[in-house]
Amino acid sequence: MTLAVGVDVGGTKTAAALVDAAGTVGPVVTVPTPAAAGGAAVLDAIAGLVRRVADGRPIVGVGVGTAGVVDAGRGVIVSSTDTFVDWIGTDVAAGLRARLGVERVEVRNDVDAHALGEAWLGAGAGAASLLMVAVGTGVGGALVLDGRLRTGAHHVAGELGHIPAVGAEGLRCPCGRPGHLEALAAGPGLARRYGVLAGVEMDAREVARRAAAGDATATRAIADAAACLGRAVAGIMTVVDPEVVVIGGGVPGIGALWWGPMEAACRAETIDALAGVPIVPAVLGAEAALLGAASTVLLSQDDKE
């Protein structure tokens, strides 16, 4: 049986599992991510987790999905938030090869890994092209076109969180610039919108709870954030013409109060030729990034632009 280890590196925890060529995922094991301890410490943690998951079984390689902008051709982190100390410049691929003695190590951005997972066995299975949108504490995106992940000349293709967005004017994005999509559409942005409308600060989960209980202000805040995302998705759809749009992350879990305004805003802005493009929820959950990361080793791909 051909086996690889898929790894999902987040700011607080790192998960890994064995994955076979049919996409069967073994038990998922997690450890805390030592993000504040530097790149070497993170690589040590990943290597230890891979050994634990493999448990002596032969593997063909390791696929890693990680936070940060990744040069997939080299397996190097080229940009990152300050959640990870000294992560920029870390050669993840070479570092893990040296630690594990494994020849094949592939590294992708975490949302890119999610997209690959959903394209392989999830909501985008069978589609030649896919726009992946992830909405949680941030807004991320990825593009699979003609069956290939496209990361672009600077490794940020599909990252719609930092495009100027109608409705987010004047709002400060975590990148430091005003008016970006993430400033309103992400969970913290949604919560801030409620704070502006109601004069009370709380997190997005509590806003969602209040909306479900009939709070009109909470419902409006969710609708504003969702519509902002929907308009941005319409713009990306017009540029890349995907076969399917897959949306995942914690914020869409709010349900109909979020999905309705998001899809209505998106459909209102798309041209007639795109009216039939499905906009669907991601289905693989936490396993998506593990499957997508492992697929870079298990499947024949040429996505390292």
Foldseek 3Di string as FASTA:
>chain_A
DAWEKFWEADLFKIKIFIAHLVGDTDDIDMDTQPQVVADLSNLVVVLVNRCVRCVPPDHQYYFYAYAAQALQVQCAHCGHDSSGPHRHGDRNQVSNCVSNVHDDYTYAHQQLLLVLLCCPPKPNDPFQKEWEWEAELFIAIWIRHRNATAQDPRRRPNGQQADAWPLFAPQADPVGDGRGLRCQQHFQNLQVQLCVVPVDGDTSVVLLVVVVVPDPSSLVSLLSNLLRQLLSVLVVCVVRVGQEYEYYYDSCVSDPSRVVSNVVSNCVNHDPVCNPHYYYYIDPPPCSSRSSRVCVRSPDHDHSD
